[in-house]
Each structure stands twice: as C-alpha cells, then as structure tokens.
C-alpha atoms as a PDB file:
ATOM      1  CA  MET A   1      29.081   6.625   1.760  1.00  0.00           C
ATOM      2  CA  LYS A   2      27.679   5.151   5.163  1.00  0.00           C
ATOM      3  CA  LEU A   3      26.331   7.852   7.310  1.00  0.00           C
ATOM      4  CA  SER A   4      26.595   7.847  11.474  1.00  0.00           C
ATOM      5  CA  GLY A   5      23.676   7.454  13.027  1.00  0.00           C
ATOM      6  CA  SER A   6      23.314  11.065  14.265  1.00  0.00           C
ATOM      7  CA  LEU A   7      24.264  12.245  11.056  1.00  0.00           C
ATOM      8  CA  LYS A   8      20.913  10.201   9.615  1.00  0.00           C
ATOM      9  CA  MET A   9      19.088  11.662  12.083  1.00  0.00           C
ATOM     10  CA  SER A  10      20.446  15.530  11.537  1.00  0.00           C
ATOM     11  CA  ILE A  11      19.536  14.892   8.189  1.00  0.00           C
ATOM     12  CA  LEU A  12      15.937  13.699   8.775  1.00  0.00           C
ATOM     13  CA  ASN A  13      15.336  16.317  11.098  1.00  0.00           C
ATOM     14  CA  ARG A  14      16.362  19.214   9.257  1.00  0.00           C
ATOM     15  CA  SER A  15      14.002  17.520   6.401  1.00  0.00           C
ATOM     16  CA  VAL A  16      11.120  17.293   8.656  1.00  0.00           C
ATOM     17  CA  MET A  17      11.704  20.981   9.648  1.00  0.00           C
ATOM     18  CA  SER A  18      12.192  21.780   6.167  1.00  0.00           C
ATOM     19  CA  THR A  19       8.785  20.800   5.639  1.00  0.00           C
ATOM     20  CA  LYS A  20       7.016  22.230   8.096  1.00  0.00           C
ATOM     21  CA  ALA A  21       8.423  25.571   6.434  1.00  0.00           C
ATOM     22  CA  GLY A  22       6.978  24.850   2.894  1.00  0.00           C
ATOM     23  CA  LEU A  23       8.414  21.583   1.336  1.00  0.00           C
ATOM     24  CA  SER A  24       5.102  19.842   0.314  1.00  0.00           C
ATOM     25  CA  ARG A  25       3.986  16.667   1.906  1.00  0.00           C
ATOM     26  CA  ARG A  26       4.819  14.943  -1.723  1.00  0.00           C
ATOM     27  CA  ASN A  27       8.381  16.063  -1.940  1.00  0.00           C
ATOM     28  CA  PHE A  28       9.310  15.699   1.605  1.00  0.00           C
ATOM     29  CA  ILE A  29       8.047  11.987   1.208  1.00  0.00           C
ATOM     30  CA  GLY A  30       9.904  11.387  -1.954  1.00  0.00           C
ATOM     31  CA  PHE A  31      12.705  12.255  -0.012  1.00  0.00           C
ATOM     32  CA  MET A  32      12.292  10.266   2.335  1.00  0.00           C
ATOM     33  CA  LEU A  33      11.508   7.130   0.006  1.00  0.00           C
ATOM     34  CA  CYS A  34      14.917   7.879  -2.404  1.00  0.00           C
ATOM     35  CA  ALA A  35      17.129   9.435  -0.145  1.00  0.00           C
ATOM     36  CA  GLY A  36      19.064   6.074   0.704  1.00  0.00           C
ATOM     37  CA  ILE A  37      18.631   6.498   4.783  1.00  0.00           C
ATOM     38  CA  SER A  38      18.974   2.992   5.074  1.00  0.00           C
ATOM     39  CA  GLY A  39      19.367   3.414   8.495  1.00  0.00           C
ATOM     40  CA  LEU A  40      15.751   4.166   9.185  1.00  0.00           C
ATOM     41  CA  SER A  41      12.967   0.893   9.506  1.00  0.00           C
ATOM     42  CA  SER A  42      10.412   1.394   8.161  1.00  0.00           C
ATOM     43  CA  LYS A  43       8.185   2.549  11.324  1.00  0.00           C
ATOM     44  CA  SER A  44      10.528   5.742  11.476  1.00  0.00           C
ATOM     45  CA  VAL A  45       9.693   6.516   7.471  1.00  0.00           C
ATOM     46  CA  PHE A  46       5.470   5.989   8.124  1.00  0.00           C
ATOM     47  CA  ALA A  47       5.868   7.896  11.707  1.00  0.00           C
ATOM     48  CA  ALA A  48       7.782  10.873  10.322  1.00  0.00           C
ATOM     49  CA  ILE A  49       4.958  10.718   7.488  1.00  0.00           C
ATOM     50  CA  ASP A  50       2.169  10.583   9.598  1.00  0.00           C
ATOM     51  CA  GLU A  51       3.539  13.512  12.420  1.00  0.00           C
ATOM     52  CA  LEU A  52       3.690  15.935   9.986  1.00  0.00           C
ATOM     53  CA  ALA A  53       1.169  18.736   9.632  1.00  0.00           C
ATOM     54  CA  THR A  54      -0.572  16.927   6.183  1.00  0.00           C
ATOM     55  CA  THR A  55      -3.923  17.799   4.732  1.00  0.00           C
ATOM     56  CA  GLU A  56      -4.491  15.039   1.910  1.00  0.00           C
ATOM     57  CA  ARG A  57      -4.037  11.397   0.922  1.00  0.00           C
ATOM     58  CA  SER A  58      -5.046  10.300  -2.164  1.00  0.00           C
ATOM     59  CA  LEU A  59      -5.844   6.291  -3.875  1.00  0.00           C
ATOM     60  CA  SER A  60      -6.479   5.566  -7.215  1.00  0.00           C
ATOM     61  CA  LEU A  61      -8.199   2.288  -7.773  1.00  0.00           C
ATOM     62  CA  TYR A  62      -9.806   0.114 -10.583  1.00  0.00           C
ATOM     63  CA  ASN A  63     -11.375  -3.352  -9.944  1.00  0.00           C
ATOM     64  CA  PRO A  64     -11.402  -5.029 -13.539  1.00  0.00           C
ATOM     65  CA  HIS A  65     -13.729  -7.769 -11.994  1.00  0.00           C
ATOM     66  CA  THR A  66     -16.771  -5.317 -11.704  1.00  0.00           C
ATOM     67  CA  LYS A  67     -15.532  -2.220 -13.466  1.00  0.00           C
ATOM     68  CA  ASP A  68     -15.813  -0.545 -10.327  1.00  0.00           C
ATOM     69  CA  SER A  69     -13.377   2.469  -9.662  1.00  0.00           C
ATOM     70  CA  PHE A  70     -12.435   5.320  -7.313  1.00  0.00           C
ATOM     71  CA  ASN A  71     -10.222   8.377  -7.874  1.00  0.00           C
ATOM     72  CA  GLY A  72      -9.987  10.962  -4.585  1.00  0.00           C
ATOM     73  CA  VAL A  73      -9.064  11.722  -1.104  1.00  0.00           C
ATOM     74  CA  TYR A  74      -9.690   9.357   1.375  1.00  0.00           C
ATOM     75  CA  TRP A  75      -7.610  10.766   4.032  1.00  0.00           C
ATOM     76  CA  ARG A  76      -8.117  14.969   5.018  1.00  0.00           C
ATOM     77  CA  LYS A  77      -7.147  17.053   7.669  1.00  0.00           C
ATOM     78  CA  GLY A  78      -6.383  13.843  10.374  1.00  0.00           C
ATOM     79  CA  LYS A  79      -9.620  12.464   9.555  1.00  0.00           C
ATOM     80  CA  TYR A  80     -10.867   9.530   7.534  1.00  0.00           C
ATOM     81  CA  VAL A  81     -13.470  10.323   4.262  1.00  0.00           C
ATOM     82  CA  THR A  82     -16.258   8.087   5.588  1.00  0.00           C
ATOM     83  CA  ASP A  83     -17.473   8.225   2.040  1.00  0.00           C
ATOM     84  CA  ALA A  84     -14.611   7.416   0.573  1.00  0.00           C
ATOM     85  CA  LEU A  85     -13.662   4.644   2.855  1.00  0.00           C
ATOM     86  CA  LYS A  86     -16.967   3.478   1.824  1.00  0.00           C
ATOM     87  CA  ASN A  87     -16.465   3.311  -1.815  1.00  0.00           C
ATOM     88  CA  ILE A  88     -13.029   1.992  -1.717  1.00  0.00           C
ATOM     89  CA  ASN A  89     -14.206  -0.813   0.740  1.00  0.00           C
ATOM     90  CA  HIS A  90     -17.337  -1.900  -1.760  1.00  0.00           C
ATOM     91  CA  ILE A  91     -14.119  -1.741  -4.879  1.00  0.00           C
ATOM     92  CA  MET A  92     -12.094  -4.151  -2.698  1.00  0.00           C
ATOM     93  CA  ARG A  93     -15.492  -6.581  -1.746  1.00  0.00           C
ATOM     94  CA  ASP A  94     -15.582 -10.550  -2.371  1.00  0.00           C
ATOM     95  CA  PHE A  95     -17.242  -9.912  -5.755  1.00  0.00           C
ATOM     96  CA  ARG A  96     -17.613 -13.663  -5.656  1.00  0.00           C
ATOM     97  CA  ALA A  97     -19.596 -14.063  -2.209  1.00  0.00           C
ATOM     98  CA  HIS A  98     -20.938 -10.535  -3.002  1.00  0.00           C
ATOM     99  CA  ASP A  99     -19.732  -9.140   0.639  1.00  0.00           C
ATOM    100  CA  ILE A 100     -18.057  -6.475   2.340  1.00  0.00           C
ATOM    101  CA  LYS A 101     -15.904  -6.237   4.645  1.00  0.00           C
ATOM    102  CA  GLN A 102     -13.740  -2.828   5.889  1.00  0.00           C
ATOM    103  CA  ILE A 103     -10.405  -2.693   4.587  1.00  0.00           C
ATOM    104  CA  ASP A 104      -8.067  -1.823   6.938  1.00  0.00           C
ATOM    105  CA  THR A 105      -6.730   1.585   6.539  1.00  0.00           C
ATOM    106  CA  HIS A 106      -2.889   1.115   7.447  1.00  0.00           C
ATOM    107  CA  LEU A 107      -3.442  -0.793   4.408  1.00  0.00           C
ATOM    108  CA  LEU A 108      -4.967   2.228   2.002  1.00  0.00           C
ATOM    109  CA  ASN A 109      -1.684   4.252   3.679  1.00  0.00           C
ATOM    110  CA  LEU A 110       0.690   1.518   2.507  1.00  0.00           C
ATOM    111  CA  LEU A 111      -0.591   2.002  -1.082  1.00  0.00           C
ATOM    112  CA  SER A 112      -0.614   5.554  -1.389  1.00  0.00           C
ATOM    113  CA  ALA A 113       2.879   5.735  -0.180  1.00  0.00           C
ATOM    114  CA  ILE A 114       3.285   3.312  -3.182  1.00  0.00           C
ATOM    115  CA  SER A 115       1.850   5.679  -5.033  1.00  0.00           C
ATOM    116  CA  ILE A 116       3.714   8.825  -4.092  1.00  0.00           C
ATOM    117  CA  LYS A 117       6.610   6.560  -4.806  1.00  0.00           C
ATOM    118  CA  LEU A 118       5.609   5.500  -8.482  1.00  0.00           C
ATOM    119  CA  LYS A 119       3.583   8.450  -9.346  1.00  0.00           C
ATOM    120  CA  PRO A 120       1.683   5.942 -11.790  1.00  0.00           C
ATOM    121  CA  GLU A 121      -0.692   7.537 -14.000  1.00  0.00           C
ATOM    122  CA  LYS A 122      -3.401   4.676 -14.291  1.00  0.00           C
ATOM    123  CA  PRO A 123      -5.141   3.052 -11.343  1.00  0.00           C
ATOM    124  CA  PHE A 124      -3.677   0.637  -9.200  1.00  0.00           C
ATOM    125  CA  HIS A 125      -5.750  -3.312 -10.257  1.00  0.00           C
ATOM    126  CA  VAL A 126      -7.552  -4.703  -7.705  1.00  0.00           C
ATOM    127  CA  ILE A 127      -7.098  -8.371  -8.321  1.00  0.00           C
ATOM    128  CA  SER A 128      -8.032  -9.832  -5.199  1.00  0.00           C
ATOM    129  CA  GLY A 129      -8.995  -7.634  -2.184  1.00  0.00           C
ATOM    130  CA  TYR A 130     -10.952  -8.583   0.710  1.00  0.00           C
ATOM    131  CA  ARG A 131     -11.947 -12.267   0.888  1.00  0.00           C
ATOM    132  CA  SER A 132     -14.726 -14.055   3.000  1.00  0.00           C
ATOM    133  CA  PRO A 133     -13.910 -17.141   4.541  1.00  0.00           C
ATOM    134  CA  GLU A 134     -15.662 -19.453   2.261  1.00  0.00           C
ATOM    135  CA  THR A 135     -14.454 -17.714  -1.211  1.00  0.00           C
ATOM    136  CA  ASN A 136     -10.822 -18.393   0.382  1.00  0.00           C
ATOM    137  CA  ALA A 137     -12.132 -21.937   1.190  1.00  0.00           C
ATOM    138  CA  LYS A 138     -12.920 -22.431  -2.405  1.00  0.00           C
ATOM    139  CA  LEU A 139      -9.729 -21.069  -3.836  1.00  0.00           C
ATOM    140  CA  ARG A 140      -7.967 -23.422  -1.304  1.00  0.00           C
ATOM    141  CA  LYS A 141      -9.738 -26.335  -2.306  1.00  0.00           C
ATOM    142  CA  CYS A 142      -8.728 -25.498  -6.141  1.00  0.00           C
ATOM    143  CA  GLY A 143      -5.413 -24.880  -5.642  1.00  0.00           C
ATOM    144  CA  LYS A 144      -5.112 -21.094  -6.616  1.00  0.00           C
ATOM    145  CA  GLY A 145      -2.356 -21.011  -3.599  1.00  0.00           C
ATOM    146  CA  ALA A 146      -4.536 -19.194  -0.852  1.00  0.00           C
ATOM    147  CA  ALA A 147      -3.190 -19.277   2.275  1.00  0.00           C
ATOM    148  CA  LYS A 148      -5.658 -20.941   5.463  1.00  0.00           C
ATOM    149  CA  ASN A 149      -5.102 -17.392   7.508  1.00  0.00           C
ATOM    150  CA  SER A 150      -4.881 -15.151   4.809  1.00  0.00           C
ATOM    151  CA  TYR A 151      -4.850 -11.470   5.260  1.00  0.00           C
ATOM    152  CA  HIS A 152      -6.893 -11.024   2.511  1.00  0.00           C
ATOM    153  CA  ILE A 153      -9.924 -12.571   5.103  1.00  0.00           C
ATOM    154  CA  GLN A 154      -9.208 -10.148   7.535  1.00  0.00           C
ATOM    155  CA  GLY A 155      -9.403  -6.876   5.168  1.00  0.00           C
ATOM    156  CA  LYS A 156      -5.548  -6.269   5.433  1.00  0.00           C
ATOM    157  CA  ALA A 157      -3.920  -7.621   2.446  1.00  0.00           C
ATOM    158  CA  VAL A 158      -4.188  -6.842  -1.775  1.00  0.00           C
ATOM    159  CA  ASP A 159      -3.571  -8.554  -4.878  1.00  0.00           C
ATOM    160  CA  ILE A 160      -2.242  -5.550  -7.147  1.00  0.00           C
ATOM    161  CA  ARG A 161      -1.036  -4.421 -10.384  1.00  0.00           C
ATOM    162  CA  LEU A 162      -0.459  -1.366 -11.758  1.00  0.00           C
ATOM    163  CA  LEU A 163      -0.114  -0.744 -16.045  1.00  0.00           C
ATOM    164  CA  GLY A 164       2.593   1.362 -16.884  1.00  0.00           C
ATOM    165  CA  TYR A 165       5.293  -0.331 -14.739  1.00  0.00           C
ATOM    166  CA  ARG A 166       6.757  -4.215 -14.502  1.00  0.00           C
ATOM    167  CA  THR A 167       5.329  -5.808 -11.223  1.00  0.00           C
ATOM    168  CA  SER A 168       8.966  -6.538 -10.385  1.00  0.00           C
ATOM    169  CA  VAL A 169       9.076  -2.727  -9.981  1.00  0.00           C
ATOM    170  CA  LEU A 170       5.949  -2.862  -7.933  1.00  0.00           C
ATOM    171  CA  ARG A 171       7.469  -5.539  -5.597  1.00  0.00           C
ATOM    172  CA  ARG A 172      10.597  -4.113  -5.183  1.00  0.00           C
ATOM    173  CA  THR A 173       8.928  -0.326  -4.164  1.00  0.00           C
ATOM    174  CA  ALA A 174       6.786  -2.645  -1.761  1.00  0.00           C
ATOM    175  CA  HIS A 175       9.841  -4.589  -0.159  1.00  0.00           C
ATOM    176  CA  TYR A 176      11.811  -1.335   0.411  1.00  0.00           C
ATOM    177  CA  LEU A 177       8.586   0.750   2.265  1.00  0.00           C
ATOM    178  CA  LYS A 178       8.893  -2.723   4.277  1.00  0.00           C
ATOM    179  CA  GLY A 179       4.780  -2.038   5.222  1.00  0.00           C
ATOM    180  CA  GLY A 180       4.390  -6.013   5.744  1.00  0.00           C
ATOM    181  CA  GLY A 181       4.600  -8.847   3.803  1.00  0.00           C
ATOM    182  CA  VAL A 182       4.990  -8.546  -0.040  1.00  0.00           C
ATOM    183  CA  GLY A 183       4.482 -11.781  -2.747  1.00  0.00           C
ATOM    184  CA  PHE A 184       5.277 -11.889  -5.910  1.00  0.00           C
ATOM    185  CA  TYR A 185       3.677 -13.746  -8.823  1.00  0.00           C
ATOM    186  CA  PRO A 186       5.334 -12.700 -11.998  1.00  0.00           C
ATOM    187  CA  HIS A 187       3.332 -15.555 -14.645  1.00  0.00           C
ATOM    188  CA  GLN A 188      -0.235 -13.784 -12.910  1.00  0.00           C
ATOM    189  CA  ILE A 189       0.974 -10.787 -13.442  1.00  0.00           C
ATOM    190  CA  PHE A 190       0.245  -9.385  -9.796  1.00  0.00           C
ATOM    191  CA  VAL A 191       1.967  -8.436  -6.843  1.00  0.00           C
ATOM    192  CA  HIS A 192       0.510  -9.355  -3.288  1.00  0.00           C
ATOM    193  CA  ILE A 193       0.910  -6.822  -0.379  1.00  0.00           C
ATOM    194  CA  ASP A 194      -0.564  -6.929   3.288  1.00  0.00           C
ATOM    195  CA  VAL A 195      -0.010  -5.534   6.120  1.00  0.00           C
ATOM    196  CA  GLY A 196       0.821  -8.498   8.490  1.00  0.00           C
ATOM    197  CA  GLN A 197       4.460  -9.536   8.970  1.00  0.00           C
ATOM    198  CA  ILE A 198       7.118  -8.582   7.084  1.00  0.00           C
ATOM    199  CA  ARG A 199       7.955 -11.622   4.846  1.00  0.00           C
ATOM    200  CA  TYR A 200       8.981 -12.277   0.789  1.00  0.00           C
ATOM    201  CA  TRP A 201       8.008 -15.016  -1.328  1.00  0.00           C
ATOM    202  CA  LYS A 202       7.646 -15.570  -5.117  1.00  0.00           C
ATOM    203  CA  VAL A 203       5.458 -17.920  -6.742  1.00  0.00           C
ATOM    204  CA  THR A 204       6.755 -19.101 -10.094  1.00  0.00           C
END
C-alpha cells in the first residue's frame, strides 16, 4: 500500500512522540529502518535519529591485519568520547605506512546505523580504513583498484566484512541507508562504504 506524504509524516511524528515517551532509541531506529517508509530521504531518517534525546552510540571493530579491536561507546549524551575516537582512529589507521588520521564521525554513525539494523554478534572487520596518499598511490600502481581521489585518504571510507552475514546483505543494508557510496566486492568478500556522494558499483 502506498502512503501519502501527509500520512508518512503523521507516522513519523507519532513515532518520535512515542520515542520521547519511553520507546528506546534502538527500537525506534529499528522501526524507521524496517517500516518501509520509502518516501523519506536518508537525510530525513538520520536527521530524525540525531534529533532524538539519545544517550549512547556504540561500535564493535576488529582489524584482521593488526589484531587491534574496539568494542564500546564512542558517543554519549551529545558528545563524542575522545578516548574512544582515538582508539577507533588507531584501529582504522594506515597499517602499511603506520599513519593515523581522524576518521570522519559521519562514517562512524553510518557504521553504527548498519549495526543497529543488523544486530551482529561479531565486530565489523576493518579490511581498509584510512590510507595515506602514498599507500593509495602504491595500491593504484599495483592494480588494486584504488581510486585516485579515494575517500579513504580523507578518513571518510572503510572496507568492511561482517562474520555471520553475506556481503550481499551488508551491501543491501548500506544501500538502504543511502549514507554515501557503496561498493560491492563479492570475490574479495568485503563492502566499501563512504560518506561521499551517493553512488553504487560492483567489482567482479
């Protein structure tokens, strides 16, 4: 059944009021992501999430190259947790060049939204996070498919896999959220996500 614009907004308004009355943030976001309100843009969904009186956002990450991991809260009561961000930046560093860059918090929020949607029991495996310009150039030279102006260089992209979920499911979830670019690499078993322009591609 196709909902009218006014009815969609009515549903959204009632949902927000219900959330403020006691519905948990996790349940609200689950509703927003699963209710099929296709008329709402991704900005509308994320704006609704950000405007709620929430208390925490968390992530679970693991870097298979370095064996580093993080599992905890990175945002609490309207503020990012400094020590948590430092740990995340370290985990998502350019391990080839031993170079660290601040990871864009919009990317962390997108990962958090994917986690809320899928409710994984395992952490995200960080295949590639930040890349220095030198590392990115080397990967391009070796034919690894790195873009010349990759969002990885800006700390706005990450290549991930999630144990227990097919990469096609991970891709579909990222597609739905429309938070930026989504690249599908089924043979390498990872999905690229970034917070740049919305675009989709598949590498076979």
